[in-house]
Each structure stands twice: as structure tokens, then as C-alpha cells.
Protein backbone atom coordinates (compact mmCIF):
# COMPACT_ATOMS: atom_id res chain seq x y z
CA MET A 1 -42.32 19.88 3.53
CA MET A 2 -39.28 19.78 1.25
CA ARG A 3 -36.91 19.63 4.20
CA GLY A 4 -38.84 16.70 5.61
CA ILE A 5 -38.67 14.78 2.32
CA TRP A 6 -34.94 15.52 1.92
CA LEU A 7 -34.19 14.48 5.50
CA GLY A 8 -36.20 11.29 5.10
CA LEU A 9 -34.36 10.32 1.91
CA LEU A 10 -30.90 10.90 3.30
CA CYS A 11 -31.59 9.24 6.63
CA LEU A 12 -32.23 6.02 4.70
CA VAL A 13 -28.50 5.78 3.99
CA PRO A 14 -27.40 5.11 7.57
CA GLY A 15 -30.43 2.87 7.94
CA PHE A 16 -29.39 0.78 4.94
CA LEU A 17 -25.84 0.38 6.18
CA LEU A 18 -26.64 -0.23 9.82
CA SER A 19 -29.50 -2.61 9.07
CA GLN A 20 -26.84 -5.29 8.69
CA GLU A 21 -26.72 -5.80 12.48
CA LEU A 22 -24.31 -3.03 13.39
CA PRO A 23 -22.98 -4.67 16.58
CA GLY A 24 -20.48 -7.07 15.01
CA SER A 25 -19.38 -8.69 18.25
CA ASP A 26 -17.67 -11.64 19.80
CA PRO A 27 -19.70 -14.16 21.83
CA GLN A 28 -18.80 -12.41 25.10
CA GLY A 29 -20.03 -8.97 24.06
CA ARG A 30 -19.58 -6.01 21.79
CA ASP A 31 -16.02 -5.35 20.55
CA SER A 32 -15.79 -1.71 19.54
CA PHE A 33 -13.58 1.37 19.66
CA LEU A 34 -13.86 5.14 19.54
CA ASP A 35 -11.73 7.49 17.47
CA PHE A 36 -11.25 11.25 17.53
CA THR A 37 -9.46 12.81 14.56
CA PRO A 38 -8.89 16.58 14.11
CA PHE A 39 -8.17 17.65 10.53
CA TYR A 40 -6.89 20.71 8.64
CA GLY A 41 -7.02 21.18 4.89
CA SER A 42 -8.07 23.08 1.79
CA VAL A 43 -11.17 23.39 -0.37
CA ILE A 44 -10.43 21.98 -3.82
CA LEU A 45 -11.26 24.40 -6.65
CA HIS A 46 -13.31 21.98 -8.76
CA ASN A 47 -15.39 24.81 -10.23
CA THR A 48 -14.29 28.41 -10.76
CA ASP A 49 -17.76 29.57 -9.68
CA ILE A 50 -16.74 29.03 -6.03
CA SER A 51 -13.31 30.70 -6.24
CA HIS A 52 -14.61 33.69 -4.25
CA LEU A 53 -15.48 31.31 -1.38
CA ILE A 54 -12.01 29.78 -0.98
CA THR A 55 -10.38 32.29 1.34
CA ASN A 56 -8.99 30.21 4.22
CA HIS A 57 -8.21 26.65 5.31
CA PRO A 58 -11.14 24.60 6.66
CA ARG A 59 -10.66 22.68 9.89
CA GLY A 60 -12.67 20.41 12.12
CA PHE A 61 -12.80 16.93 13.62
CA ILE A 62 -14.21 13.46 13.02
CA LEU A 63 -15.63 11.50 15.96
CA GLY A 64 -16.30 7.83 15.24
CA TRP A 65 -17.79 4.80 16.96
CA ASN A 66 -16.75 1.53 15.35
CA THR A 67 -17.71 -2.11 15.84
CA ARG A 68 -15.38 -4.85 14.66
CA THR A 69 -16.60 -7.86 12.68
CA TYR A 70 -15.17 -11.35 12.89
CA GLY A 71 -17.10 -13.22 10.19
CA GLU A 72 -20.55 -13.41 11.76
CA GLU A 73 -21.90 -12.98 8.21
CA ALA A 74 -20.44 -14.79 5.20
CA TRP A 75 -19.62 -11.64 3.20
CA GLN A 76 -17.36 -10.17 5.91
CA SER A 77 -14.44 -12.51 5.24
CA ASP A 78 -14.50 -11.56 1.54
CA PHE A 79 -13.82 -7.94 2.49
CA GLY A 80 -11.18 -8.52 5.14
CA TYR A 81 -13.51 -8.25 8.17
CA PRO A 82 -14.39 -4.53 8.02
CA ASP A 83 -15.63 -2.40 10.91
CA LYS A 84 -19.12 -0.89 10.90
CA GLY A 85 -19.79 2.42 12.57
CA LEU A 86 -21.27 5.86 12.98
CA SER A 87 -19.35 9.10 12.71
CA LEU A 88 -19.97 12.75 13.50
CA VAL A 89 -18.06 15.41 11.56
CA TYR A 90 -17.77 19.08 12.45
CA GLN A 91 -16.20 21.39 9.87
CA ASP A 92 -15.56 25.13 9.88
CA MET A 93 -15.24 26.03 6.19
CA GLY A 94 -12.95 28.98 6.92
CA ASN A 95 -15.31 31.47 5.29
CA PRO A 96 -18.34 33.07 7.01
CA VAL A 97 -20.30 32.90 3.73
CA LEU A 98 -20.04 29.09 3.74
CA GLY A 99 -20.39 28.85 7.51
CA GLU A 100 -20.02 25.58 9.39
CA LEU A 101 -21.26 22.05 8.77
CA ILE A 102 -22.30 19.32 11.19
CA SER A 103 -22.73 15.86 9.67
CA LEU A 104 -23.81 12.38 10.73
CA TYR A 105 -22.69 9.31 8.76
CA ALA A 106 -22.80 5.55 8.66
CA HIS A 107 -19.41 4.19 7.65
CA TYR A 108 -17.32 1.11 6.97
CA ASN A 109 -13.60 0.71 7.71
CA PHE A 110 -11.75 -1.62 5.32
CA TYR A 111 -8.27 -2.88 6.20
CA PHE A 112 -5.18 -3.74 4.18
CA PHE A 113 -1.50 -4.63 4.78
CA GLN A 114 -2.04 -6.76 7.89
CA ARG A 115 -4.71 -4.32 9.13
CA GLN A 116 -2.21 -1.45 9.44
CA PHE A 117 -3.82 0.60 6.65
CA GLN A 118 -7.45 1.65 6.98
CA LEU A 119 -9.81 3.00 4.31
CA ARG A 120 -13.05 4.48 5.66
CA ILE A 121 -16.06 5.22 3.46
CA GLY A 122 -18.88 7.23 5.06
CA GLN A 123 -22.24 8.41 3.69
CA GLY A 124 -24.75 10.59 5.48
CA ILE A 125 -26.44 13.93 5.94
CA ALA A 126 -25.01 17.37 6.76
CA TYR A 127 -26.51 20.52 8.26
CA ALA A 128 -25.20 23.82 6.87
CA THR A 129 -25.40 26.77 9.24
CA ASN A 130 -25.37 29.46 6.51
CA PRO A 131 -26.82 28.27 3.18
CA TYR A 132 -27.75 30.44 0.18
CA ASP A 133 -30.36 33.11 0.81
CA ARG A 134 -31.40 35.55 -1.89
CA GLU A 135 -31.36 38.50 0.50
CA THR A 136 -28.93 37.69 3.33
CA ASN A 137 -26.39 35.28 1.80
CA PHE A 138 -26.54 35.50 -1.99
CA ARG A 139 -22.77 34.87 -2.35
CA ASN A 140 -23.09 31.27 -1.14
CA ASN A 141 -23.64 29.52 -4.46
CA ALA A 142 -22.21 26.24 -3.08
CA TYR A 143 -25.03 25.20 -0.71
CA GLY A 144 -28.59 25.91 -1.79
CA SER A 145 -30.20 24.27 1.25
CA ARG A 146 -29.54 23.65 4.93
CA LEU A 147 -29.66 19.87 4.54
CA LEU A 148 -27.02 18.35 2.29
CA SER A 149 -25.87 14.89 1.40
CA SER A 150 -22.27 14.19 2.29
CA THR A 151 -19.68 11.53 1.51
CA TYR A 152 -16.25 11.25 3.08
CA LEU A 153 -13.20 9.07 2.58
CA MET A 154 -10.32 8.54 5.02
CA ALA A 155 -7.08 6.75 4.13
CA GLN A 156 -4.83 6.36 7.13
CA TYR A 157 -2.31 4.37 9.08
CA ALA A 158 -4.03 2.95 12.16
CA LYS A 159 -2.49 1.28 15.21
CA ASP A 160 -4.43 0.00 18.23
CA ARG A 161 -3.27 -0.19 21.85
CA ILE A 162 0.01 1.70 21.76
CA TRP A 163 -0.45 3.02 25.32
CA GLY A 164 -2.87 0.77 27.17
CA LYS A 165 -6.20 1.08 25.35
CA LEU A 166 -5.05 4.15 23.42
CA GLY A 167 -3.95 3.91 19.80
CA MET A 168 -3.34 6.42 17.02
CA GLN A 169 -4.23 7.05 13.40
CA ALA A 170 -2.93 9.49 10.80
CA GLY A 171 -3.69 10.09 7.15
CA ILE A 172 -5.72 12.09 4.66
CA SER A 173 -9.43 12.75 4.19
CA LEU A 174 -11.74 13.92 1.41
CA ILE A 175 -15.13 15.36 2.44
CA HIS A 176 -17.83 16.18 -0.13
CA TYR A 177 -20.98 18.26 0.50
CA SER A 178 -23.83 18.65 -2.01
CA ASN A 179 -27.62 18.65 -2.12
CA ALA A 180 -27.58 16.85 -5.49
CA ASN A 181 -29.65 19.54 -7.21
CA VAL A 182 -32.62 19.10 -4.90
CA LYS A 183 -32.50 22.90 -4.70
CA ALA A 184 -30.43 25.48 -6.57
CA PRO A 185 -27.72 26.65 -6.27
CA ASN A 186 -25.65 23.52 -5.85
CA THR A 187 -22.03 24.05 -6.83
CA SER A 188 -20.93 21.89 -3.83
CA THR A 189 -17.52 21.71 -2.11
CA ASN A 190 -14.76 19.13 -1.68
CA THR A 191 -12.32 19.41 1.21
CA PHE A 192 -8.91 17.69 1.13
CA ALA A 193 -7.44 17.46 4.63
CA PHE A 194 -4.62 15.99 6.68
CA SER A 195 -5.61 14.32 9.94
CA LEU A 196 -4.01 12.97 13.11
CA GLY A 197 -6.03 11.39 15.86
CA LEU A 198 -6.47 8.88 18.68
CA ARG A 199 -8.30 5.56 19.04
CA TYR A 200 -9.64 4.13 22.30
CA ASP A 201 -10.38 0.39 22.44
CA LEU A 202 -13.59 -0.47 24.29
CA GLY A 203 -13.11 -4.24 23.98
CA GLN A 204 -10.89 -6.79 25.61
CA GLU A 205 -7.19 -7.00 24.74
CA GLU A 206 -7.53 -10.62 23.64
CA LYS A 207 -9.65 -10.69 20.48
CA PRO A 208 -11.74 -13.59 19.14
CA GLU A 209 -10.66 -15.63 16.13
CA TYR A 210 -11.79 -14.62 12.64
CA GLN A 211 -14.35 -16.97 11.12
CA GLU A 212 -15.30 -18.00 7.61
CA GLN A 213 -18.97 -18.79 7.07
CA PRO A 214 -20.18 -21.04 4.24
CA TYR A 215 -21.29 -18.91 1.32
CA ASN A 216 -24.77 -19.45 -0.12
CA PRO A 217 -25.03 -17.61 -3.46
CA LEU A 218 -28.27 -16.71 -5.16
CA PRO A 219 -29.76 -19.76 -6.87
CA ASP A 220 -29.89 -18.09 -10.31
CA LYS A 221 -26.87 -16.94 -12.29
CA TYR A 222 -29.08 -14.76 -14.53
CA MET A 223 -31.79 -12.45 -13.26
CA PHE A 224 -34.10 -9.66 -14.46
CA ASN A 225 -34.86 -6.51 -12.45
CA LEU A 226 -37.60 -3.86 -12.56
CA VAL A 227 -37.08 -0.59 -10.65
CA PHE A 228 -39.15 2.56 -10.13
CA ARG A 229 -37.35 5.68 -8.87
CA THR A 230 -38.59 9.12 -7.94
CA GLY A 231 -37.65 12.31 -6.13
CA ILE A 232 -37.61 16.10 -6.43
CA ASN A 233 -35.04 18.34 -8.08
CA GLU A 234 -34.50 21.78 -9.62
CA SER A 235 -32.56 23.12 -12.59
CA ASP A 236 -29.54 25.39 -12.13
CA VAL A 237 -31.79 28.43 -12.60
CA ILE A 238 -32.22 29.71 -9.04
CA GLY A 239 -35.87 30.09 -8.10
CA SER A 240 -37.15 28.06 -11.06
CA GLY A 241 -38.92 25.67 -8.70
CA GLN A 242 -38.66 22.09 -7.51
CA PHE A 243 -40.46 19.41 -9.50
CA PRO A 244 -40.94 15.64 -9.17
CA PHE A 245 -39.26 13.20 -11.54
CA TYR A 246 -40.07 9.60 -12.39
CA ILE A 247 -37.73 6.90 -13.68
CA ALA A 248 -38.64 3.39 -14.82
CA SER A 249 -35.76 0.95 -15.30
CA ALA A 250 -35.46 -2.60 -16.56
CA TYR A 251 -32.21 -4.51 -16.66
CA GLY A 252 -30.73 -7.96 -16.75
CA GLY A 253 -28.00 -9.21 -14.44
CA MET A 254 -25.38 -11.94 -14.69
CA ARG A 255 -23.68 -13.03 -11.47
CA ILE A 256 -19.90 -13.48 -11.74
CA GLY A 257 -18.23 -14.89 -8.65
CA ARG A 258 -19.33 -14.44 -5.05
CA LYS A 259 -19.42 -10.65 -4.96
CA SER A 260 -20.16 -9.22 -8.41
CA THR A 261 -23.08 -8.96 -10.83
CA LEU A 262 -22.85 -7.35 -14.27
CA GLN A 263 -25.88 -5.40 -15.53
CA LEU A 264 -27.29 -4.33 -18.89
CA GLY A 265 -30.51 -2.32 -19.10
CA ALA A 266 -32.56 0.71 -20.03
CA ASP A 267 -33.94 3.79 -18.21
CA PHE A 268 -36.99 5.90 -19.06
CA PHE A 269 -36.79 9.42 -17.58
CA ALA A 270 -39.68 11.84 -17.08
CA SER A 271 -38.01 14.83 -15.39
CA ASN A 272 -40.46 17.69 -14.95
CA PHE A 273 -37.76 20.26 -14.16
CA LEU A 274 -36.66 19.90 -17.80
CA LYS A 275 -40.17 20.82 -18.96
CA GLU A 276 -39.86 24.08 -17.02
CA LEU A 277 -36.29 24.66 -18.25
CA ILE A 278 -37.36 24.19 -21.88
CA GLN A 279 -40.10 26.80 -21.50
CA PHE A 280 -37.72 29.18 -19.73
CA GLN A 281 -35.03 28.97 -22.42
CA ALA A 282 -37.53 29.18 -25.26
CA THR A 283 -39.07 32.35 -23.77
CA SER A 284 -36.07 34.13 -22.27
CA PHE A 285 -33.25 33.14 -24.62
CA PRO A 286 -34.49 33.12 -28.22
CA GLU A 287 -30.89 32.99 -29.44
CA LEU A 288 -30.72 29.38 -28.15
CA ASP A 289 -33.41 28.43 -30.69
CA VAL A 290 -35.24 26.11 -28.29
CA ASP A 291 -38.67 24.91 -29.44
CA PRO A 292 -41.16 25.26 -26.53
CA ASP A 293 -42.79 21.98 -27.62
CA THR A 294 -39.55 19.99 -27.25
CA ASP A 295 -40.14 16.70 -25.44
CA PHE A 296 -38.67 16.68 -21.91
CA LYS A 297 -38.49 12.89 -21.68
CA ARG A 298 -35.32 10.83 -22.23
CA VAL A 299 -34.41 7.18 -22.72
CA GLY A 300 -31.00 5.74 -21.88
CA LEU A 301 -29.15 2.43 -22.15
CA PHE A 302 -26.62 1.52 -19.46
CA LEU A 303 -23.97 -0.94 -18.35
CA GLY A 304 -23.59 -1.53 -14.63
CA HIS A 305 -22.03 -3.47 -11.79
CA GLU A 306 -23.33 -4.49 -8.37
CA LEU A 307 -21.02 -5.37 -5.49
CA ALA A 308 -22.69 -7.62 -2.90
CA MET A 309 -22.07 -7.08 0.82
CA GLY A 310 -24.63 -9.33 2.46
CA LYS A 311 -28.05 -7.73 2.15
CA LEU A 312 -26.42 -4.54 0.89
CA GLY A 313 -25.56 -3.90 -2.76
CA ILE A 314 -23.28 -1.14 -4.08
CA VAL A 315 -24.39 -0.14 -7.59
CA THR A 316 -22.46 1.73 -10.29
CA GLN A 317 -23.92 2.33 -13.75
CA PHE A 318 -22.82 4.20 -16.87
CA GLY A 319 -25.45 5.19 -19.43
CA TYR A 320 -25.99 6.81 -22.82
CA TYR A 321 -29.18 8.58 -23.93
CA VAL A 322 -30.55 7.05 -27.11
CA TYR A 323 -33.60 9.33 -27.05
CA TYR A 324 -32.40 12.85 -26.24
CA PRO A 325 -34.60 15.62 -27.72
CA PHE A 326 -33.33 18.38 -25.39
CA ASP A 327 -29.64 18.98 -24.76
CA PHE A 328 -28.99 18.95 -21.02
CA GLU A 329 -25.47 18.24 -19.68
CA GLY A 330 -24.53 15.85 -22.51
CA ARG A 331 -25.64 12.41 -23.68
CA THR A 332 -23.79 10.31 -21.10
CA TYR A 333 -24.80 9.83 -17.46
CA ASN A 334 -23.74 7.81 -14.44
CA ARG A 335 -25.41 6.47 -11.32
CA VAL A 336 -23.93 5.43 -7.97
CA GLY A 337 -26.09 4.06 -5.20
CA ILE A 338 -26.89 1.49 -2.54
CA LYS A 339 -29.57 -1.20 -2.40
CA ARG A 340 -31.00 -3.02 0.60
CA TYR A 341 -32.55 -6.43 -0.09
CA PHE A 342 -35.59 -7.72 1.75
CA GLY A 343 -35.46 -11.43 1.04
CA GLN A 344 -34.17 -12.51 -2.37
CA LYS A 345 -36.67 -10.61 -4.55
CA LEU A 346 -37.58 -7.17 -3.18
CA PHE A 347 -35.19 -4.28 -2.64
CA ALA A 348 -35.13 -0.54 -1.96
CA GLY A 349 -32.42 1.80 -3.14
CA LEU A 350 -30.98 5.28 -2.86
CA SER A 351 -28.81 6.58 -5.69
CA LEU A 352 -27.21 9.68 -7.15
CA LYS A 353 -27.60 10.30 -10.87
CA SER A 354 -25.13 12.70 -12.46
CA HIS A 355 -23.43 13.74 -15.66
CA GLY A 356 -19.76 13.33 -14.84
CA ALA A 357 -19.25 15.39 -11.66
CA LYS A 358 -22.47 17.38 -12.26
CA ALA A 359 -25.27 15.97 -10.08
CA GLU A 360 -28.82 15.88 -11.41
CA ALA A 361 -30.88 14.07 -8.78
CA VAL A 362 -31.05 11.93 -5.65
CA GLU A 363 -33.24 8.96 -6.56
CA LEU A 364 -35.34 6.92 -4.12
CA GLY A 365 -36.27 3.58 -5.63
CA ILE A 366 -38.08 0.31 -5.08
CA GLY A 367 -37.60 -2.79 -7.20
CA ILE A 368 -38.07 -6.49 -7.71
CA ARG A 369 -35.65 -9.13 -8.92
CA LEU A 370 -37.36 -11.74 -11.10
């Protein structure tokens, strides 16, 4: 059951991104290209707990399908007419304890410097071939489950049609794997890699003209939002159990310009894994002086920003707990996520809440803008 929930949550990410009419095309048909990029790199030692797992250089490849945009939607011109696409990543981690990973992503390619420099941002789901197992693979404290969330970035020089329809691309990549504390352990890994690959243009050599659509902003400069988020997570104590959490949020927004909205609001957290962790520490570690009746609930205030890309919103928030009866990972927290609007009022979202680089939960949310 847990695998099904986790898969369903993470599969929403490609759905959110690709719901914006993936085939950005010219009037005569779809204008797209394929790319194949082998890579070779190193696992970054972001936590000494995984030092025993960094024994060799990971390698793999990225296979991408990309569709160009030409301004069919008003937001595309604001971001330099990005590509939309899907990508498949295979990675051998260079250590049999970590195994191999196969990942599927939705991605955007953003262009700079006369479209010679490309920045790709991909978000999706990964399958780990050899996750933690108490009996057969207890050394793998990086991946506590077979299904992981994954984010990757590519920064590269890209050139189309150097030899006929063949082009090339070269640069660097950063690939992150984590299950966001859905199940312990979850130390996660980050791979930094160098890449060199080929591009194959599936469209015509003569491209259509870029367009600029009239922009129709939201009618209200100020707005108020209500959001309910939920999910399942576990503390860092392996085997302590997975528990549901519930988050109610209320925040105001002020639109500034065509793309940005500033936010100010409050979160109420009821995280049941903390209730179990409080009991565990009070019983097993009396030297910590934890009262078993300590409240597990928290309240935070946050500042945030939303970047509008059509019906998609990219959300970043930074918060501080004003009600914090139990000390867990510090009083500050951050949230990064995506929202998909359905009309001008309703939206659904998927976000990652963390304390610095330490993930706490993947949050699935629904909300209304008043």
C-alpha cells in the first residue's frame, strides 16, 4: 500500500508539468528533438554517514525527448521560450550496496546567451535496485525504499544541426535521490557529473517565428489562500513506523509584476511521527529529559515567493516555528514545491518540507485562492 501511495504522489510531478500541453509545436506539426548524454562523476560527501558507500565513480546516461515552444502561451516569452520534455536516466552508483537507479522525469530546458547555453531542470521518480534491507543490505543507509523522488540539473553548451540533423551538447549535471523521509533510512545521495552527448532534431530545418501573446494577469493584486496538506513519513529511527501528518496553512499574497507573488502566512503542523519519537526518546533515553506528555504539534510563520509559469506555480517558502514544544531539527524550516491551477481559484500542489538540507516530508496539498 505504501509503495502505491508513494508512486501516486511522485507521478503527479510529471503530470503537473506536462499538463501544460507538452507538444509545443508550430502550425505544421510538432517540433521536437532527442538527446542522448552519457555522464561520469562522483558522489558528493554531503553527510559523513555515507562515506562507506563512496567507493567508485558513478556513471550512466540521460535520454531526453524535448518539444520546443514558440510562444503559444503567454508565459513562454517571459522565460525565453523553454523546451518541455521527458527524460529517462540510468545510473550505476559504482557500489553494489547502492546498486543502480532508473528514473523518469518531466523537465524544462531554459536557454541563455542566444540559446547557446541550456539549463535543464527535471523532477521525477526513481527506482532503486538495491535499497536498505535489515537482513540483506543493512549497509545502505542512503535509500530506505525502492521508490525515490529525484531532481536533476544540467548546465551545458548546446548546438543544434552541426552535421545534418545531429547536434551536440556538453556540460555538467547534478542528480539528487531521496525518499524525503517517507521511510527510514534516508541519508540520500547527490551525484556531480560531467557529460557529453548528441542531439537529433526531429523537426524541419526552418523554424517558425517566436511569438508574444498578450498577457492577462490575475484581476486581483492581493489574494488570500487556504491550503490543506497531508502525507506519510517516518522519523530517522529505523523501524519506528510510518505515520500520517496533517498541515493547515493560511497565507496572503501580493502580486508583483507578471511572474512573481510574495507570500506571508502561517502553518499548523500535526505530525504523528513526532508523537512516536517523543515517546521513544522519553522511554529509551532518559538522559535527554524528554517529557512523554510533550505536545507534538507545531505552528510556524513563513515568508514565501511564487513564480508563475502559466497554470504552473513554483513555490519557495522560509518559515520559523513560533510554537515549538519539542526540539526537532531546529526552529527554521523551508518548503519548495509546485502548484497546478484549475481555473483561477482552485489548485493542487506537491512540495518538499525540510530543515535546511534535511528533508522531513513530501506534502500533497489542495487549496483555494480567495
